[in-house]
């Protein structure tokens, strides 16, 4: 009788013979912006290396993840592990001034709730 009870208990623990269900990870948000705020400034390139826009830095300040995004892109889907809950993202424009020094804009901030 002991053996029967042990087998019944084991079957209960594994869901009566069914495999456990792995939850689907949450989908990453698609973040979109309308411009870099500098319509008359060229993108940096092999021929334009000063007075230009280099890239965006997108930071998930909730997790600390940092992403570099090309300056000609206006939408981005973060990669890596996405967690459920509220995430705050900062977007910064990176550029180079006329003396070759790097510049950064103040961050544009948004909050996204991942269900």
Protein backbone atom coordinates (compact mmCIF):
# COMPACT_ATOMS: atom_id res chain seq x y z
CA UNK A 1 0.00 0.00 0.00
CA UNK A 2 2.88 2.36 0.68
CA UNK A 3 4.09 1.98 -2.90
CA UNK A 4 0.69 2.91 -4.38
CA UNK A 5 0.49 6.08 -2.28
CA UNK A 6 4.00 7.11 -3.29
CA UNK A 7 3.21 6.63 -7.00
CA UNK A 8 -0.04 8.58 -6.71
CA UNK A 9 1.77 11.44 -4.97
CA UNK A 10 4.50 11.45 -7.65
CA UNK A 11 1.87 11.59 -10.42
CA UNK A 12 0.23 14.56 -8.69
CA UNK A 13 3.53 16.43 -8.59
CA UNK A 14 4.22 16.04 -12.31
CA UNK A 15 0.70 16.98 -13.38
CA UNK A 16 -0.61 13.49 -14.00
CA UNK A 17 1.89 12.70 -16.71
CA UNK A 18 1.73 16.02 -18.60
CA UNK A 19 4.80 18.14 -19.18
CA UNK A 20 4.95 21.40 -17.27
CA UNK A 21 3.95 24.46 -19.29
CA UNK A 22 6.66 27.08 -19.76
CA UNK A 23 5.21 30.60 -19.80
CA UNK A 24 5.83 32.68 -22.91
CA UNK A 25 8.30 35.48 -22.19
CA UNK A 26 6.92 39.00 -22.59
CA UNK A 27 7.39 40.71 -25.94
CA UNK A 28 9.80 43.64 -26.03
CA UNK A 29 8.29 47.08 -26.63
CA UNK A 30 8.78 48.84 -29.94
CA UNK A 31 10.04 52.34 -29.13
CA UNK A 32 9.51 55.04 -31.78
CA UNK A 33 10.50 58.70 -31.99
CA UNK A 34 9.85 61.30 -34.68
CA UNK A 35 13.27 62.94 -35.12
CA UNK A 36 16.63 63.61 -33.53
CA UNK A 37 15.70 67.25 -32.98
CA UNK A 38 18.51 68.53 -35.23
CA UNK A 39 17.10 68.73 -38.76
CA UNK A 40 20.01 70.74 -40.24
CA UNK A 41 22.83 68.60 -38.83
CA UNK A 42 24.29 65.80 -40.96
CA UNK A 43 24.93 62.27 -39.81
CA UNK A 44 28.58 61.48 -39.09
CA UNK A 45 30.30 59.47 -41.82
CA UNK A 46 33.72 58.78 -43.29
CA UNK A 47 33.64 62.22 -44.94
CA UNK A 48 31.69 64.16 -42.25
CA UNK A 49 33.49 63.89 -38.92
CA UNK A 50 32.64 67.18 -37.16
CA UNK A 51 29.39 69.08 -36.63
CA UNK A 52 27.53 65.81 -37.05
CA UNK A 53 25.21 63.35 -35.33
CA UNK A 54 26.78 60.00 -34.44
CA UNK A 55 24.16 57.74 -32.83
CA UNK A 56 21.47 57.37 -30.20
CA UNK A 57 21.98 55.81 -26.80
CA UNK A 58 18.84 54.10 -25.49
CA UNK A 59 18.94 53.08 -21.84
CA UNK A 60 16.42 50.99 -19.92
CA UNK A 61 17.00 52.71 -16.59
CA UNK A 62 14.95 50.03 -14.83
CA UNK A 63 17.31 47.18 -15.78
CA UNK A 64 20.45 49.11 -16.73
CA UNK A 65 20.50 47.73 -20.28
CA UNK A 66 22.11 50.15 -22.77
CA UNK A 67 21.61 49.99 -26.54
CA UNK A 68 23.37 51.96 -29.29
CA UNK A 69 21.08 52.84 -32.18
CA UNK A 70 22.12 54.20 -35.59
CA UNK A 71 21.33 57.91 -36.03
CA UNK A 72 19.21 57.26 -39.15
CA UNK A 73 16.85 54.92 -37.24
CA UNK A 74 13.64 56.21 -35.63
CA UNK A 75 12.40 52.99 -34.06
CA UNK A 76 14.00 50.29 -31.94
CA UNK A 77 13.00 47.04 -30.24
CA UNK A 78 15.26 46.31 -27.25
CA UNK A 79 16.91 42.88 -27.23
CA UNK A 80 17.84 40.62 -24.36
CA UNK A 81 15.73 39.60 -21.41
CA UNK A 82 12.53 41.58 -21.09
CA UNK A 83 10.83 41.54 -17.71
CA UNK A 84 7.21 42.17 -16.82
CA UNK A 85 6.45 45.51 -15.21
CA UNK A 86 7.20 49.19 -15.63
CA UNK A 87 10.35 50.19 -17.55
CA UNK A 88 11.69 53.71 -18.00
CA UNK A 89 13.70 54.38 -21.16
CA UNK A 90 16.02 57.33 -21.84
CA UNK A 91 16.98 58.30 -25.39
CA UNK A 92 20.06 60.49 -25.92
CA UNK A 93 21.40 61.90 -29.20
CA UNK A 94 25.20 61.63 -29.53
CA UNK A 95 27.10 64.01 -31.78
CA UNK A 96 30.46 65.61 -32.49
CA UNK A 97 31.01 69.38 -32.41
CA UNK A 98 33.16 71.52 -34.74
CA UNK A 99 36.33 70.81 -32.70
CA UNK A 100 35.86 67.02 -32.65
CA UNK A 101 34.51 66.82 -29.09
CA UNK A 102 31.60 64.52 -28.37
CA UNK A 103 28.28 66.00 -27.31
CA UNK A 104 25.14 64.45 -25.86
CA UNK A 105 21.61 65.78 -25.67
CA UNK A 106 19.53 65.75 -22.53
CA UNK A 107 17.58 62.49 -22.33
CA UNK A 108 14.06 62.14 -23.69
CA UNK A 109 12.27 59.83 -21.25
CA UNK A 110 9.28 57.53 -21.54
CA UNK A 111 7.80 54.79 -19.38
CA UNK A 112 6.44 51.54 -20.83
CA UNK A 113 4.50 48.87 -18.95
CA UNK A 114 5.29 45.33 -20.10
CA UNK A 115 2.27 43.09 -19.37
